[in-house]
């Protein structure tokens, strides 16, 4: 399997994760409701045990993982961004 095929495979797996129903709810909450004013607000949320704590961790860990694939050469940056650099 060549590098581009591997990149496509990883991208498809990332898209599959994004389609998960709980991930969709988490992303919706993150974009529409999550408005921390400080790092303290994030820490407070994370130790709260609320469902939103799981949402925060889910969304941020997904993007951390996706970015690490690109930053470490696991996925071609142009493919990931779907635009010409």
Protein backbone atom coordinates (compact mmCIF):
# COMPACT_ATOMS: atom_id res chain seq x y z
CA UNK A 1 0.00 0.00 0.00
CA UNK A 2 1.47 3.37 -0.96
CA UNK A 3 1.62 6.45 1.25
CA UNK A 4 -1.37 8.19 -0.34
CA UNK A 5 -3.50 5.09 0.17
CA UNK A 6 -2.45 4.96 3.81
CA UNK A 7 -3.29 8.66 4.20
CA UNK A 8 -6.73 8.06 2.71
CA UNK A 9 -7.30 5.14 5.06
CA UNK A 10 -6.44 7.22 8.11
CA UNK A 11 -8.60 10.11 6.91
CA UNK A 12 -11.55 7.77 6.44
CA UNK A 13 -11.10 6.49 9.99
CA UNK A 14 -11.03 10.07 11.29
CA UNK A 15 -14.22 10.88 9.37
CA UNK A 16 -15.83 7.74 10.76
CA UNK A 17 -15.04 8.89 14.30
CA UNK A 18 -16.50 12.33 13.54
CA UNK A 19 -19.79 10.72 12.48
CA UNK A 20 -20.31 9.03 15.85
CA UNK A 21 -23.54 10.33 17.42
CA UNK A 22 -21.96 11.23 20.76
CA UNK A 23 -19.10 13.00 18.97
CA UNK A 24 -21.66 15.02 17.00
CA UNK A 25 -23.38 16.08 20.23
CA UNK A 26 -20.02 16.93 21.77
CA UNK A 27 -18.95 19.03 18.79
CA UNK A 28 -22.30 20.83 18.76
CA UNK A 29 -21.97 21.64 22.47
CA UNK A 30 -18.35 22.76 21.98
CA UNK A 31 -19.26 25.15 19.17
CA UNK A 32 -22.55 26.51 20.50
CA UNK A 33 -22.36 26.44 24.31
CA UNK A 34 -18.78 26.13 25.52
CA UNK A 35 -17.53 29.62 26.34
CA UNK A 36 -14.82 29.48 29.00
CA UNK A 37 -13.42 32.78 30.19
CA UNK A 38 -10.24 31.30 31.68
CA UNK A 39 -8.25 28.12 32.11
CA UNK A 40 -9.91 27.86 35.54
CA UNK A 41 -13.27 27.42 33.82
CA UNK A 42 -11.87 24.48 31.85
CA UNK A 43 -10.36 22.86 34.95
CA UNK A 44 -13.64 23.33 36.82
CA UNK A 45 -15.51 21.66 33.98
CA UNK A 46 -13.07 18.75 33.76
CA UNK A 47 -13.40 17.85 37.44
CA UNK A 48 -17.16 18.42 37.53
CA UNK A 49 -18.18 14.95 36.39
CA UNK A 50 -20.79 16.53 34.11
CA UNK A 51 -21.56 15.16 30.67
CA UNK A 52 -20.01 18.33 29.23
CA UNK A 53 -16.68 17.29 30.75
CA UNK A 54 -16.75 14.17 28.57
CA UNK A 55 -17.75 16.30 25.58
CA UNK A 56 -14.79 18.63 26.13
CA UNK A 57 -12.34 15.76 26.46
CA UNK A 58 -13.81 13.98 23.42
CA UNK A 59 -13.57 16.99 21.10
CA UNK A 60 -10.15 18.17 22.22
CA UNK A 61 -8.58 14.71 22.21
CA UNK A 62 -9.97 14.04 18.71
CA UNK A 63 -8.37 17.21 17.33
CA UNK A 64 -5.16 16.57 19.27
CA UNK A 65 -4.95 13.12 17.69
CA UNK A 66 -5.76 14.39 14.20
CA UNK A 67 -3.23 17.21 14.46
CA UNK A 68 -0.53 14.84 15.74
CA UNK A 69 -1.06 12.62 12.68
CA UNK A 70 -0.40 15.61 10.42
CA UNK A 71 2.43 17.12 12.49
CA UNK A 72 4.29 13.82 12.64
CA UNK A 73 3.85 12.90 8.98
CA UNK A 74 1.17 10.26 9.50
CA UNK A 75 -1.21 12.07 7.15
CA UNK A 76 -0.23 14.42 4.36
CA UNK A 77 -1.08 18.01 5.36
CA UNK A 78 -2.56 18.90 1.96
CA UNK A 79 -4.87 15.88 2.09
CA UNK A 80 -5.90 16.65 5.64
CA UNK A 81 -6.69 20.29 4.90
CA UNK A 82 -8.33 19.42 1.54
CA UNK A 83 -6.87 22.50 -0.06
CA UNK A 84 -3.72 23.53 -1.85
CA UNK A 85 -1.02 24.99 0.38
